[in-house]
Amino acid sequence: MTGIGSSLNNKLVAFAALLVLVPGLVVGIIAERSGRESLQTIIGAQLARESAHVAEQLQGLLATEDEILRSFAAQGIMREIRVDDIDKRISRALATLRDGSTVRRAYLALDPSGRVVAASNPGLIGSAPAWLPHAARFPGEEATHWELIEIPDTDSSVLTLAAATPDPDDASRTIGTLVGLLDWDAVMSVTRELEAELRAQGIRASVVVANTSGDIIGGSATSVSRVAIANAFDSGDVAVAKGSYRIDEEAGYISGRSDLTDGRGFRLLVIQSLDDALRPAQALSRRLLLAVGLALVVALFAATVAARRVIRPLSELTATIRDLPRSRPGQLRVPVRSSDEVGVLAEAFNQVAQELDRVQRELVEAERYAAVGEFASGVAHHVRTSLGVLRSSAQMLERSMGQGNARERELALMMRSEVDRLADVVNDLLHLDRRRERERKSVHVSELAQQAVSLVAPRAEEKGVTIAFSGLDDEPMVSCDVDSLHQACVNLLVNAVEVANEGDSVHLGLYHAADGWLGFEVRDDGPGIPEELREQIFKPFVTGRQGGVGLGLTYVQRVVSEHAGRIEVGPNGAAATNGTVFRVELPIQESI
């Protein structure tokens, strides 16, 4: 591939790559960012809804337990706290109450001094456990006291619910306290169920329960950093229909949050890693990059193929132009491989090359004409006068001979005939040497053609050849040099008559050529022109007729060329031996 081809190929390939990469990357970035933002919004809202749903469940559970505790504390059986040895009856009731739920671990009945007088677990009767909060022993006027505590020497935590037992006889006094111990791990089962549901949906999230201080009091936050959990409870959440969510780019998490509305200050947080949350967006980005990569490969392949198709004719055109100084006429041709701009360029170059060939041939012919003209000038000055003397002498010699000298008269007649033939050659040479400016007139070619037919008719009649003429009804006019075009018609007719045999016919007719052109043709029934001679028939001194000089057709071609016309020769039929036809086409007057 040439330098220009390689450079253009690289540019086309680079342009194709940019055409794919730039829009692809822009679309990819926009799609990735839009997908990331949309996915964050969707997941954040979903996590907020899930947190609100679990918060409602948890709140309903605790509210139910709170209502049961306060209701039981107000029952009449609790008045027996003031009676000694009442633990068995209340304890049985408390055991029955405990067995009604999986989250109820134990119930304690305390007297005004804070001593356990009855319990669902008899082993707890006696002094109140040290781990039992003071507020749980003496809740005061608060309807129910809630507090989460850890039982020493165990891994379990309990949620204490404490409610004062009113005195049935005096509503302003209390006779003790009813304390419920809820298994916090069992209470938190709703968070584990949520995590399982989310994982079934392909969402790897952790559920965390915290107090108002931000301390984690429940849930599975083992895989989440404390900083991320602390940040999740800061301000800046995005509120939605249920709950709110927060995107923490720095910590790499997205979380949904809901607050329990019972005044206990519990907060529920559903938190997920941004990497997990945005994995679909990352997969989309990878697919987009893959699609852009595949599109780039296809575009580069298509650009390479297209570049070769474009560069090949350009390279051929470049190589042909470089070979222009060393080429011979007829060799400057570029194959036209398409109908696009490159094909139009190749076709235009071929037209220019064809015109250069024509100009080159005309220059060569002009040089030949110049050589013939110089020769004609010498002949005119040195031969023509001598030929005139010889012809006069032959005529005088012929008249001086008597009737008995037939042989001598025949020789004199032969001398005169040869002198006339040589004179015709000299005249043809003199015609070729005409370098004067042509004086053009607007005429009908039919007029010149008919004059030529009239002039050649005696010779045709002498040979027994018929000459016919056909014109046009709407014949346009042509601007031409009358004398030279008339002589060209005469030369074509004379050649046709000379090669014809007795009984043959010669036809001169006009016809409409292409738009803006008028043509006339001369047909004969002679032996035709050999194929090997047809390409050189217009060259000086080339002839296919016995006794011909080979200057008549040279003169015809020169006249047609001077009139910006064209001439062609071919057989007068399917076979080359079916006579000859010469076609001359001239631009009509409006096109000159």
Foldseek 3Di string as FASTA:
>chain_A
DDPVLVVLLVVLLVVLLCVLVVVLVVVLVVLLVVLLVVLLVVVLVVQQVLQLVLLVVLLVVVVVVLVVQLVVLADPLLLCLPPAPSQVVVLVVQLVVQVVDPFWDKKFWAFLVQATRYMVDVVCHGHHDPQDDPCQFPVDPDQWDWDKGDDPPDPWIWIKIKGFRANPVDRVDTGGIMIITTGVQVSQVSQVVSCVVCVVVVFRKWKFKDFQVQHTDDTDCPPPDSVVSSVFPDPDWADDPGFTKDQDVVRQKIKTKHFNPPPRGMIMIIMGGSCSSCVVSVVVSVVSVVVSVVSSVVSSVVSSVVSCVLVVQVVVLVVLVVCVVVDDQPPSAGDQDDDDPSSVVRVVSVVVSNVVSVVVVVVVLVVVLVVLLVVLVVCVVPPPVVLVVQLVVLVVQLVVDDPVPVVSNVVSVVSNVVSVLVNVVSVLSNLSNDPDDADKDWDFVVVLLVVLCVVCVVVLVVQQEAEEEEEDPPGFIAIARSVLSSLLSNLLVVVQSQQAHHPWYKYWYKDDDPPQKIKIKIWTQGQADDPVLQVPLLPFQRDDGVPDRSRSSVSNQVRLVVQVKDKHKQDPDDDRRRTIMIMIMGGGPVVD
